[in-house]
Amino acid sequence: GLVDRIRNRMPDIALSTDIIVGFPGETEEDFEQTLSLAET
């Protein structure tokens, strides 16, 4: 939702991020959620 609000005000903004893979207890389902967020 925050990304949507940012892009509503600044449509061409370049977004960067940090992502941790392998946090203790991360399952395949959890990782798929990370993957789909990055794709979104």
PDB file of all heavy atoms in Angstrom:
ATOM      1  N   GLY A   1       0.820  -1.208   0.000  1.00  0.00           N
ATOM      2  CA  GLY A   1       0.000   0.000   0.000  1.00  0.00           C
ATOM      3  C   GLY A   1       0.853   1.257   0.000  1.00  0.00           C
ATOM      4  O   GLY A   1       0.520   2.250  -0.657  1.00  0.00           O
ATOM      5  N   LEU A   2       1.960   1.203   0.747  1.00  0.00           N
ATOM      6  CA  LEU A   2       2.881   2.340   0.791  1.00  0.00           C
ATOM      7  C   LEU A   2       3.513   2.581  -0.579  1.00  0.00           C
ATOM      8  O   LEU A   2       3.623   3.731  -1.034  1.00  0.00           O
ATOM      9  CB  LEU A   2       3.960   2.069   1.841  1.00  0.00           C
ATOM     10  CG  LEU A   2       4.952   3.186   2.140  1.00  0.00           C
ATOM     11  CD1 LEU A   2       4.237   4.440   2.622  1.00  0.00           C
ATOM     12  CD2 LEU A   2       5.961   2.710   3.190  1.00  0.00           C
ATOM     13  N   VAL A   3       3.915   1.508  -1.248  1.00  0.00           N
ATOM     14  CA  VAL A   3       4.481   1.635  -2.592  1.00  0.00           C
ATOM     15  C   VAL A   3       3.467   2.278  -3.533  1.00  0.00           C
ATOM     16  O   VAL A   3       3.812   3.157  -4.340  1.00  0.00           O
ATOM     17  CB  VAL A   3       4.932   0.255  -3.122  1.00  0.00           C
ATOM     18  CG1 VAL A   3       5.248   0.316  -4.617  1.00  0.00           C
ATOM     19  CG2 VAL A   3       6.153  -0.238  -2.356  1.00  0.00           C
ATOM     20  N   ASP A   4       2.207   1.883  -3.422  1.00  0.00           N
ATOM     21  CA  ASP A   4       1.167   2.478  -4.268  1.00  0.00           C
ATOM     22  C   ASP A   4       1.042   3.979  -4.015  1.00  0.00           C
ATOM     23  O   ASP A   4       0.907   4.772  -4.963  1.00  0.00           O
ATOM     24  CB  ASP A   4      -0.186   1.809  -4.010  1.00  0.00           C
ATOM     25  CG  ASP A   4      -0.277   0.421  -4.626  1.00  0.00           C
ATOM     26  OD1 ASP A   4       0.545   0.105  -5.505  1.00  0.00           O
ATOM     27  OD2 ASP A   4      -1.173  -0.347  -4.220  1.00  0.00           O
ATOM     28  N   ARG A   5       1.103   4.383  -2.739  1.00  0.00           N
ATOM     29  CA  ARG A   5       0.985   5.817  -2.409  1.00  0.00           C
ATOM     30  C   ARG A   5       2.176   6.603  -2.939  1.00  0.00           C
ATOM     31  O   ARG A   5       2.020   7.730  -3.431  1.00  0.00           O
ATOM     32  CB  ARG A   5       0.848   6.000  -0.891  1.00  0.00           C
ATOM     33  CG  ARG A   5      -0.485   5.525  -0.339  1.00  0.00           C
ATOM     34  CD  ARG A   5      -0.714   5.994   1.083  1.00  0.00           C
ATOM     35  NE  ARG A   5       0.191   5.366   2.041  1.00  0.00           N
ATOM     36  CZ  ARG A   5      -0.014   4.165   2.587  1.00  0.00           C
ATOM     37  NH1 ARG A   5      -1.070   3.447   2.237  1.00  0.00           N
ATOM     38  NH2 ARG A   5       0.835   3.672   3.455  1.00  0.00           N
ATOM     39  N   ILE A   6       3.357   6.026  -2.832  1.00  0.00           N
ATOM     40  CA  ILE A   6       4.563   6.690  -3.335  1.00  0.00           C
ATOM     41  C   ILE A   6       4.467   6.876  -4.845  1.00  0.00           C
ATOM     42  O   ILE A   6       4.721   7.961  -5.377  1.00  0.00           O
ATOM     43  CB  ILE A   6       5.819   5.868  -2.974  1.00  0.00           C
ATOM     44  CG1 ILE A   6       6.040   5.866  -1.459  1.00  0.00           C
ATOM     45  CG2 ILE A   6       7.051   6.412  -3.695  1.00  0.00           C
ATOM     46  CD1 ILE A   6       7.012   4.800  -0.986  1.00  0.00           C
ATOM     47  N   ARG A   7       4.090   5.826  -5.541  1.00  0.00           N
ATOM     48  CA  ARG A   7       4.035   5.899  -7.004  1.00  0.00           C
ATOM     49  C   ARG A   7       2.866   6.753  -7.492  1.00  0.00           C
ATOM     50  O   ARG A   7       2.915   7.281  -8.605  1.00  0.00           O
ATOM     51  CB  ARG A   7       3.978   4.488  -7.584  1.00  0.00           C
ATOM     52  CG  ARG A   7       5.347   3.802  -7.507  1.00  0.00           C
ATOM     53  CD  ARG A   7       5.370   2.493  -8.229  1.00  0.00           C
ATOM     54  NE  ARG A   7       6.760   2.024  -8.378  1.00  0.00           N
ATOM     55  CZ  ARG A   7       7.128   0.755  -8.356  1.00  0.00           C
ATOM     56  NH1 ARG A   7       6.209  -0.193  -8.210  1.00  0.00           N
ATOM     57  NH2 ARG A   7       8.387   0.420  -8.500  1.00  0.00           N
ATOM     58  N   ASN A   8       1.849   6.904  -6.672  1.00  0.00           N
ATOM     59  CA  ASN A   8       0.768   7.811  -7.035  1.00  0.00           C
ATOM     60  C   ASN A   8       1.264   9.252  -7.102  1.00  0.00           C
ATOM     61  O   ASN A   8       0.825  10.036  -7.946  1.00  0.00           O
ATOM     62  CB  ASN A   8      -0.371   7.691  -6.019  1.00  0.00           C
ATOM     63  CG  ASN A   8      -1.562   8.558  -6.386  1.00  0.00           C
ATOM     64  OD1 ASN A   8      -2.105   8.457  -7.483  1.00  0.00           O
ATOM     65  ND2 ASN A   8      -1.962   9.425  -5.474  1.00  0.00           N
ATOM     66  N   ARG A   9       2.204   9.611  -6.196  1.00  0.00           N
ATOM     67  CA  ARG A   9       2.774  10.956  -6.164  1.00  0.00           C
ATOM     68  C   ARG A   9       3.975  11.101  -7.082  1.00  0.00           C
ATOM     69  O   ARG A   9       4.222  12.176  -7.612  1.00  0.00           O
ATOM     70  CB  ARG A   9       3.184  11.322  -4.729  1.00  0.00           C
ATOM     71  CG  ARG A   9       2.060  11.504  -3.765  1.00  0.00           C
ATOM     72  CD  ARG A   9       1.209  12.746  -4.108  1.00  0.00           C
ATOM     73  NE  ARG A   9       1.739  13.942  -3.475  1.00  0.00           N
ATOM     74  CZ  ARG A   9       2.112  15.034  -4.118  1.00  0.00           C
ATOM     75  NH1 ARG A   9       2.043  15.100  -5.423  1.00  0.00           N
ATOM     76  NH2 ARG A   9       2.556  16.083  -3.470  1.00  0.00           N
ATOM     77  N   MET A  10       4.734  10.030  -7.261  1.00  0.00           N
ATOM     78  CA  MET A  10       5.966  10.066  -8.060  1.00  0.00           C
ATOM     79  C   MET A  10       6.002   8.829  -8.948  1.00  0.00           C
ATOM     80  O   MET A  10       6.688   7.852  -8.651  1.00  0.00           O
ATOM     81  CB  MET A  10       7.194  10.111  -7.135  1.00  0.00           C
ATOM     82  CG  MET A  10       7.306  11.381  -6.314  1.00  0.00           C
ATOM     83  SD  MET A  10       8.478  11.215  -4.922  1.00  0.00           S
ATOM     84  CE  MET A  10       7.463  10.299  -3.746  1.00  0.00           C
ATOM     85  N   PRO A  11       5.262   8.836 -10.051  1.00  0.00           N
ATOM     86  CA  PRO A  11       5.093   7.629 -10.873  1.00  0.00           C
ATOM     87  C   PRO A  11       6.391   7.026 -11.397  1.00  0.00           C
ATOM     88  O   PRO A  11       6.482   5.808 -11.569  1.00  0.00           O
ATOM     89  CB  PRO A  11       4.209   8.112 -12.030  1.00  0.00           C
ATOM     90  CG  PRO A  11       3.487   9.300 -11.488  1.00  0.00           C
ATOM     91  CD  PRO A  11       4.454   9.966 -10.557  1.00  0.00           C
ATOM     92  N   ASP A  12       7.408   7.838 -11.622  1.00  0.00           N
ATOM     93  CA  ASP A  12       8.638   7.350 -12.248  1.00  0.00           C
ATOM     94  C   ASP A  12       9.744   7.086 -11.241  1.00  0.00           C
ATOM     95  O   ASP A  12      10.893   6.860 -11.615  1.00  0.00           O
ATOM     96  CB  ASP A  12       9.117   8.356 -13.299  1.00  0.00           C
ATOM     97  CG  ASP A  12      10.076   7.719 -14.302  1.00  0.00           C
ATOM     98  OD1 ASP A  12       9.857   6.550 -14.680  1.00  0.00           O
ATOM     99  OD2 ASP A  12      11.052   8.388 -14.693  1.00  0.00           O
ATOM    100  N   ILE A  13       9.431   7.100  -9.950  1.00  0.00           N
ATOM    101  CA  ILE A  13      10.466   6.963  -8.925  1.00  0.00           C
ATOM    102  C   ILE A  13      11.180   5.620  -9.037  1.00  0.00           C
ATOM    103  O   ILE A  13      10.574   4.596  -9.374  1.00  0.00           O
ATOM    104  CB  ILE A  13       9.856   7.137  -7.516  1.00  0.00           C
ATOM    105  CG1 ILE A  13      10.973   7.298  -6.470  1.00  0.00           C
ATOM    106  CG2 ILE A  13       8.926   5.974  -7.169  1.00  0.00           C
ATOM    107  CD1 ILE A  13      10.465   7.772  -5.121  1.00  0.00           C
ATOM    108  N   ALA A  14      12.481   5.623  -8.781  1.00  0.00           N
ATOM    109  CA  ALA A  14      13.284   4.398  -8.757  1.00  0.00           C
ATOM    110  C   ALA A  14      13.301   3.870  -7.326  1.00  0.00           C
ATOM    111  O   ALA A  14      13.865   4.512  -6.432  1.00  0.00           O
ATOM    112  CB  ALA A  14      14.702   4.680  -9.236  1.00  0.00           C
ATOM    113  N   LEU A  15      12.689   2.727  -7.103  1.00  0.00           N
ATOM    114  CA  LEU A  15      12.643   2.130  -5.777  1.00  0.00           C
ATOM    115  C   LEU A  15      13.734   1.077  -5.641  1.00  0.00           C
ATOM    116  O   LEU A  15      13.900   0.229  -6.520  1.00  0.00           O
ATOM    117  CB  LEU A  15      11.286   1.493  -5.513  1.00  0.00           C
ATOM    118  CG  LEU A  15      10.090   2.427  -5.362  1.00  0.00           C
ATOM    119  CD1 LEU A  15       8.808   1.624  -5.185  1.00  0.00           C
ATOM    120  CD2 LEU A  15      10.278   3.388  -4.184  1.00  0.00           C
ATOM    121  N   SER A  16      14.456   1.144  -4.528  1.00  0.00           N
ATOM    122  CA  SER A  16      15.421   0.098  -4.199  1.00  0.00           C
ATOM    123  C   SER A  16      15.075  -0.459  -2.831  1.00  0.00           C
ATOM    124  O   SER A  16      14.269   0.111  -2.088  1.00  0.00           O
ATOM    125  CB  SER A  16      16.849   0.652  -4.224  1.00  0.00           C
ATOM    126  OG  SER A  16      17.007   1.704  -3.292  1.00  0.00           O
ATOM    127  N   THR A  17      15.691  -1.581  -2.482  1.00  0.00           N
ATOM    128  CA  THR A  17      15.316  -2.244  -1.236  1.00  0.00           C
ATOM    129  C   THR A  17      16.438  -3.132  -0.725  1.00  0.00           C
ATOM    130  O   THR A  17      17.438  -3.346  -1.411  1.00  0.00           O
ATOM    131  CB  THR A  17      14.033  -3.084  -1.443  1.00  0.00           C
ATOM    132  OG1 THR A  17      13.435  -3.372  -0.184  1.00  0.00           O
ATOM    133  CG2 THR A  17      14.317  -4.386  -2.180  1.00  0.00           C
ATOM    134  N   ASP A  18      16.263  -3.642   0.492  1.00  0.00           N
ATOM    135  CA  ASP A  18      17.087  -4.711   1.057  1.00  0.00           C
ATOM    136  C   ASP A  18      16.182  -5.917   1.263  1.00  0.00           C
ATOM    137  O   ASP A  18      15.035  -5.777   1.715  1.00  0.00           O
ATOM    138  CB  ASP A  18      17.659  -4.330   2.432  1.00  0.00           C
ATOM    139  CG  ASP A  18      18.630  -3.174   2.383  1.00  0.00           C
ATOM    140  OD1 ASP A  18      19.270  -2.984   1.332  1.00  0.00           O
ATOM    141  OD2 ASP A  18      18.751  -2.468   3.400  1.00  0.00           O
ATOM    142  N   ILE A  19      16.692  -7.100   0.951  1.00  0.00           N
ATOM    143  CA  ILE A  19      15.945  -8.332   1.176  1.00  0.00           C
ATOM    144  C   ILE A  19      16.876  -9.371   1.787  1.00  0.00           C
ATOM    145  O   ILE A  19      17.988  -9.589   1.296  1.00  0.00           O
ATOM    146  CB  ILE A  19      15.342  -8.896  -0.127  1.00  0.00           C
ATOM    147  CG1 ILE A  19      14.392  -7.884  -0.767  1.00  0.00           C
ATOM    148  CG2 ILE A  19      14.601 -10.210   0.148  1.00  0.00           C
ATOM    149  CD1 ILE A  19      13.856  -8.315  -2.126  1.00  0.00           C
ATOM    150  N   ILE A  20      16.419 -10.004   2.866  1.00  0.00           N
ATOM    151  CA  ILE A  20      17.163 -11.084   3.517  1.00  0.00           C
ATOM    152  C   ILE A  20      16.528 -12.410   3.111  1.00  0.00           C
ATOM    153  O   ILE A  20      15.318 -12.601   3.260  1.00  0.00           O
ATOM    154  CB  ILE A  20      17.135 -10.946   5.049  1.00  0.00           C
ATOM    155  CG1 ILE A  20      17.802  -9.638   5.483  1.00  0.00           C
ATOM    156  CG2 ILE A  20      17.819 -12.146   5.704  1.00  0.00           C
ATOM    157  CD1 ILE A  20      17.654  -9.346   6.972  1.00  0.00           C
ATOM    158  N   VAL A  21      17.332 -13.328   2.614  1.00  0.00           N
ATOM    159  CA  VAL A  21      16.885 -14.675   2.294  1.00  0.00           C
ATOM    160  C   VAL A  21      17.435 -15.628   3.353  1.00  0.00           C
ATOM    161  O   VAL A  21      18.597 -15.531   3.740  1.00  0.00           O
ATOM    162  CB  VAL A  21      17.377 -15.102   0.891  1.00  0.00           C
ATOM    163  CG1 VAL A  21      16.984 -16.543   0.593  1.00  0.00           C
ATOM    164  CG2 VAL A  21      16.830 -14.166  -0.171  1.00  0.00           C
ATOM    165  N   GLY A  22      16.596 -16.538   3.835  1.00  0.00           N
ATOM    166  CA  GLY A  22      17.063 -17.534   4.785  1.00  0.00           C
ATOM    167  C   GLY A  22      16.955 -17.124   6.229  1.00  0.00           C
ATOM    168  O   GLY A  22      17.654 -17.688   7.096  1.00  0.00           O
ATOM    169  N   PHE A  23      16.075 -16.142   6.542  1.00  0.00           N
ATOM    170  CA  PHE A  23      15.835 -15.823   7.952  1.00  0.00           C
ATOM    171  C   PHE A  23      15.363 -17.099   8.645  1.00  0.00           C
ATOM    172  O   PHE A  23      14.610 -17.886   8.062  1.00  0.00           O
ATOM    173  CB  PHE A  23      14.784 -14.714   8.071  1.00  0.00           C
ATOM    174  CG  PHE A  23      14.560 -14.234   9.478  1.00  0.00           C
ATOM    175  CD1 PHE A  23      15.405 -13.294  10.033  1.00  0.00           C
ATOM    176  CD2 PHE A  23      13.517 -14.738  10.238  1.00  0.00           C
ATOM    177  CE1 PHE A  23      15.216 -12.847  11.340  1.00  0.00           C
ATOM    178  CE2 PHE A  23      13.319 -14.308  11.551  1.00  0.00           C
ATOM    179  CZ  PHE A  23      14.173 -13.359  12.094  1.00  0.00           C
ATOM    180  N   PRO A  24      15.795 -17.335   9.892  1.00  0.00           N
ATOM    181  CA  PRO A  24      15.454 -18.594  10.566  1.00  0.00           C
ATOM    182  C   PRO A  24      13.959 -18.907  10.530  1.00  0.00           C
ATOM    183  O   PRO A  24      13.131 -18.083  10.904  1.00  0.00           O
ATOM    184  CB  PRO A  24      15.925 -18.342  12.003  1.00  0.00           C
ATOM    185  CG  PRO A  24      17.047 -17.377  11.862  1.00  0.00           C
ATOM    186  CD  PRO A  24      16.650 -16.476  10.719  1.00  0.00           C
ATOM    187  N   GLY A  25      13.648 -20.116  10.045  1.00  0.00           N
ATOM    188  CA  GLY A  25      12.257 -20.555   9.977  1.00  0.00           C
ATOM    189  C   GLY A  25      11.562 -20.206   8.685  1.00  0.00           C
ATOM    190  O   GLY A  25      10.389 -20.575   8.492  1.00  0.00           O
ATOM    191  N   GLU A  26      12.250 -19.502   7.764  1.00  0.00           N
ATOM    192  CA  GLU A  26      11.622 -19.156   6.492  1.00  0.00           C
ATOM    193  C   GLU A  26      11.312 -20.435   5.705  1.00  0.00           C
ATOM    194  O   GLU A  26      12.186 -21.253   5.454  1.00  0.00           O
ATOM    195  CB  GLU A  26      12.546 -18.256   5.671  1.00  0.00           C
ATOM    196  CG  GLU A  26      11.967 -17.839   4.324  1.00  0.00           C
ATOM    197  CD  GLU A  26      12.950 -17.009   3.509  1.00  0.00           C
ATOM    198  OE1 GLU A  26      14.014 -17.565   3.129  1.00  0.00           O
ATOM    199  OE2 GLU A  26      12.669 -15.823   3.270  1.00  0.00           O
ATOM    200  N   THR A  27      10.053 -20.573   5.319  1.00  0.00           N
ATOM    201  CA  THR A  27       9.628 -21.730   4.537  1.00  0.00           C
ATOM    202  C   THR A  27       9.616 -21.381   3.058  1.00  0.00           C
ATOM    203  O   THR A  27       9.771 -20.220   2.682  1.00  0.00           O
ATOM    204  CB  THR A  27       8.219 -22.174   4.959  1.00  0.00           C
ATOM    205  OG1 THR A  27       7.295 -21.123   4.609  1.00  0.00           O
ATOM    206  CG2 THR A  27       8.144 -22.456   6.455  1.00  0.00           C
ATOM    207  N   GLU A  28       9.381 -22.390   2.234  1.00  0.00           N
ATOM    208  CA  GLU A  28       9.248 -22.142   0.799  1.00  0.00           C
ATOM    209  C   GLU A  28       8.080 -21.202   0.537  1.00  0.00           C
ATOM    210  O   GLU A  28       8.170 -20.312  -0.316  1.00  0.00           O
ATOM    211  CB  GLU A  28       9.051 -23.456   0.044  1.00  0.00           C
ATOM    212  CG  GLU A  28       8.830 -23.306  -1.450  1.00  0.00           C
ATOM    213  CD  GLU A  28      10.005 -22.693  -2.201  1.00  0.00           C
ATOM    214  OE1 GLU A  28      11.149 -22.749  -1.689  1.00  0.00           O
ATOM    215  OE2 GLU A  28       9.789 -22.148  -3.301  1.00  0.00           O
ATOM    216  N   GLU A  29       6.993 -21.374   1.284  1.00  0.00           N
ATOM    217  CA  GLU A  29       5.838 -20.488   1.118  1.00  0.00           C
ATOM    218  C   GLU A  29       6.199 -19.049   1.474  1.00  0.00           C
ATOM    219  O   GLU A  29       5.809 -18.110   0.774  1.00  0.00           O
ATOM    220  CB  GLU A  29       4.674 -20.970   1.985  1.00  0.00           C
ATOM    221  CG  GLU A  29       3.415 -20.134   1.833  1.00  0.00           C
ATOM    222  CD  GLU A  29       2.270 -20.621   2.698  1.00  0.00           C
ATOM    223  OE1 GLU A  29       2.425 -21.666   3.355  1.00  0.00           O
ATOM    224  OE2 GLU A  29       1.223 -19.942   2.719  1.00  0.00           O
ATOM    225  N   ASP A  30       6.953 -18.866   2.566  1.00  0.00           N
ATOM    226  CA  ASP A  30       7.398 -17.517   2.950  1.00  0.00           C
ATOM    227  C   ASP A  30       8.255 -16.915   1.840  1.00  0.00           C
ATOM    228  O   ASP A  30       8.089 -15.743   1.474  1.00  0.00           O
ATOM    229  CB  ASP A  30       8.216 -17.561   4.243  1.00  0.00           C
ATOM    230  CG  ASP A  30       7.388 -17.918   5.462  1.00  0.00           C
ATOM    231  OD1 ASP A  30       6.241 -17.445   5.567  1.00  0.00           O
ATOM    232  OD2 ASP A  30       7.890 -18.690   6.305  1.00  0.00           O
ATOM    233  N   PHE A  31       9.190 -17.714   1.324  1.00  0.00           N
ATOM    234  CA  PHE A  31      10.068 -17.202   0.277  1.00  0.00           C
ATOM    235  C   PHE A  31       9.282 -16.852  -0.979  1.00  0.00           C
ATOM    236  O   PHE A  31       9.567 -15.843  -1.630  1.00  0.00           O
ATOM    237  CB  PHE A  31      11.165 -18.216  -0.057  1.00  0.00           C
ATOM    238  CG  PHE A  31      12.012 -17.768  -1.209  1.00  0.00           C
ATOM    239  CD1 PHE A  31      12.912 -16.722  -1.064  1.00  0.00           C
ATOM    240  CD2 PHE A  31      11.863 -18.349  -2.466  1.00  0.00           C
ATOM    241  CE1 PHE A  31      13.672 -16.275  -2.137  1.00  0.00           C
ATOM    242  CE2 PHE A  31      12.615 -17.913  -3.547  1.00  0.00           C
ATOM    243  CZ  PHE A  31      13.523 -16.877  -3.382  1.00  0.00           C
ATOM    244  N   GLU A  32       8.300 -17.663  -1.326  1.00  0.00           N
ATOM    245  CA  GLU A  32       7.472 -17.362  -2.498  1.00  0.00           C
ATOM    246  C   GLU A  32       6.767 -16.024  -2.327  1.00  0.00           C
ATOM    247  O   GLU A  32       6.555 -15.293  -3.299  1.00  0.00           O
ATOM    248  CB  GLU A  32       6.453 -18.478  -2.734  1.00  0.00           C
ATOM    249  CG  GLU A  32       7.058 -19.791  -3.219  1.00  0.00           C
ATOM    250  CD  GLU A  32       7.437 -19.760  -4.688  1.00  0.00           C
ATOM    251  OE1 GLU A  32       7.122 -18.766  -5.361  1.00  0.00           O
ATOM    252  OE2 GLU A  32       8.064 -20.730  -5.152  1.00  0.00           O
ATOM    253  N   GLN A  33       6.421 -15.678  -1.102  1.00  0.00           N
ATOM    254  CA  GLN A  33       5.809 -14.382  -0.834  1.00  0.00           C
ATOM    255  C   GLN A  33       6.802 -13.253  -1.109  1.00  0.00           C
ATOM    256  O   GLN A  33       6.441 -12.203  -1.656  1.00  0.00           O
ATOM    257  CB  GLN A  33       5.322 -14.312   0.619  1.00  0.00           C
ATOM    258  CG  GLN A  33       4.126 -15.184   0.921  1.00  0.00           C
ATOM    259  CD  GLN A  33       2.845 -14.571   0.377  1.00  0.00           C
ATOM    260  OE1 GLN A  33       2.430 -13.491   0.798  1.00  0.00           O
ATOM    261  NE2 GLN A  33       2.227 -15.256  -0.576  1.00  0.00           N
ATOM    262  N   THR A  34       8.058 -13.467  -0.740  1.00  0.00           N
ATOM    263  CA  THR A  34       9.102 -12.475  -1.043  1.00  0.00           C
ATOM    264  C   THR A  34       9.301 -12.343  -2.540  1.00  0.00           C
ATOM    265  O   THR A  34       9.395 -11.235  -3.088  1.00  0.00           O
ATOM    266  CB  THR A  34      10.426 -12.878  -0.368  1.00  0.00           C
ATOM    267  OG1 THR A  34      10.253 -12.851   1.058  1.00  0.00           O
ATOM    268  CG2 THR A  34      11.552 -11.937  -0.743  1.00  0.00           C
ATOM    269  N   LEU A  35       9.362 -13.484  -3.217  1.00  0.00           N
ATOM    270  CA  LEU A  35       9.560 -13.485  -4.662  1.00  0.00           C
ATOM    271  C   LEU A  35       8.424 -12.748  -5.368  1.00  0.00           C
ATOM    272  O   LEU A  35       8.662 -11.912  -6.251  1.00  0.00           O
ATOM    273  CB  LEU A  35       9.641 -14.932  -5.150  1.00  0.00           C
ATOM    274  CG  LEU A  35      10.477 -15.243  -6.380  1.00  0.00           C
ATOM    275  CD1 LEU A  35      11.931 -14.832  -6.173  1.00  0.00           C
ATOM    276  CD2 LEU A  35      10.384 -16.739  -6.697  1.00  0.00           C
ATOM    277  N   SER A  36       7.185 -13.017  -4.945  1.00  0.00           N
ATOM    278  CA  SER A  36       6.050 -12.372  -5.612  1.00  0.00           C
ATOM    279  C   SER A  36       5.979 -10.889  -5.290  1.00  0.00           C
ATOM    280  O   SER A  36       5.566 -10.079  -6.132  1.00  0.00           O
ATOM    281  CB  SER A  36       4.737 -13.066  -5.232  1.00  0.00           C
ATOM    282  OG  SER A  36       4.406 -12.864  -3.883  1.00  0.00           O
ATOM    283  N   LEU A  37       6.412 -10.487  -4.080  1.00  0.00           N
ATOM    284  CA  LEU A  37       6.445  -9.056  -3.766  1.00  0.00           C
ATOM    285  C   LEU A  37       7.453  -8.343  -4.663  1.00  0.00           C
ATOM    286  O   LEU A  37       7.170  -7.264  -5.194  1.00  0.00           O
ATOM    287  CB  LEU A  37       6.785  -8.832  -2.293  1.00  0.00           C
ATOM    288  CG  LEU A  37       6.800  -7.362  -1.856  1.00  0.00           C
ATOM    289  CD1 LEU A  37       6.136  -7.169  -0.492  1.00  0.00           C
ATOM    290  CD2 LEU A  37       8.220  -6.803  -1.817  1.00  0.00           C
ATOM    291  N   ALA A  38       8.629  -8.955  -4.848  1.00  0.00           N
ATOM    292  CA  ALA A  38       9.639  -8.341  -5.724  1.00  0.00           C
ATOM    293  C   ALA A  38       9.122  -8.235  -7.155  1.00  0.00           C
ATOM    294  O   ALA A  38       9.374  -7.241  -7.844  1.00  0.00           O
ATOM    295  CB  ALA A  38      10.933  -9.149  -5.680  1.00  0.00           C
ATOM    296  N   GLU A  39       8.382  -9.231  -7.597  1.00  0.00           N
ATOM    297  CA  GLU A  39       7.819  -9.193  -8.948  1.00  0.00           C
ATOM    298  C   GLU A  39       6.733  -8.131  -9.056  1.00  0.00           C
ATOM    299  O   GLU A  39       6.557  -7.500 -10.100  1.00  0.00           O
ATOM    300  CB  GLU A  39       7.256 -10.572  -9.309  1.00  0.00           C
ATOM    301  CG  GLU A  39       8.331 -11.616  -9.528  1.00  0.00           C
ATOM    302  CD  GLU A  39       7.771 -13.019  -9.649  1.00  0.00           C
ATOM    303  OE1 GLU A  39       6.650 -13.266  -9.148  1.00  0.00           O
ATOM    304  OE2 GLU A  39       8.463 -13.888 -10.226  1.00  0.00           O
ATOM    305  N   THR A  40       6.001  -7.904  -7.968  1.00  0.00           N
ATOM    306  CA  THR A  40       4.927  -6.906  -7.960  1.00  0.00           C
ATOM    307  C   THR A  40       5.484  -5.489  -7.920  1.00  0.00           C
ATOM    308  O   THR A  40       5.067  -4.616  -8.687  1.00  0.00           O
ATOM    309  CB  THR A  40       3.998  -7.126  -6.752  1.00  0.00           C
ATOM    310  OG1 THR A  40       3.388  -8.413  -6.851  1.00  0.00           O
ATOM    311  CG2 THR A  40       2.909  -6.066  -6.684  1.00  0.00           C
TER     312      THR A  40
END
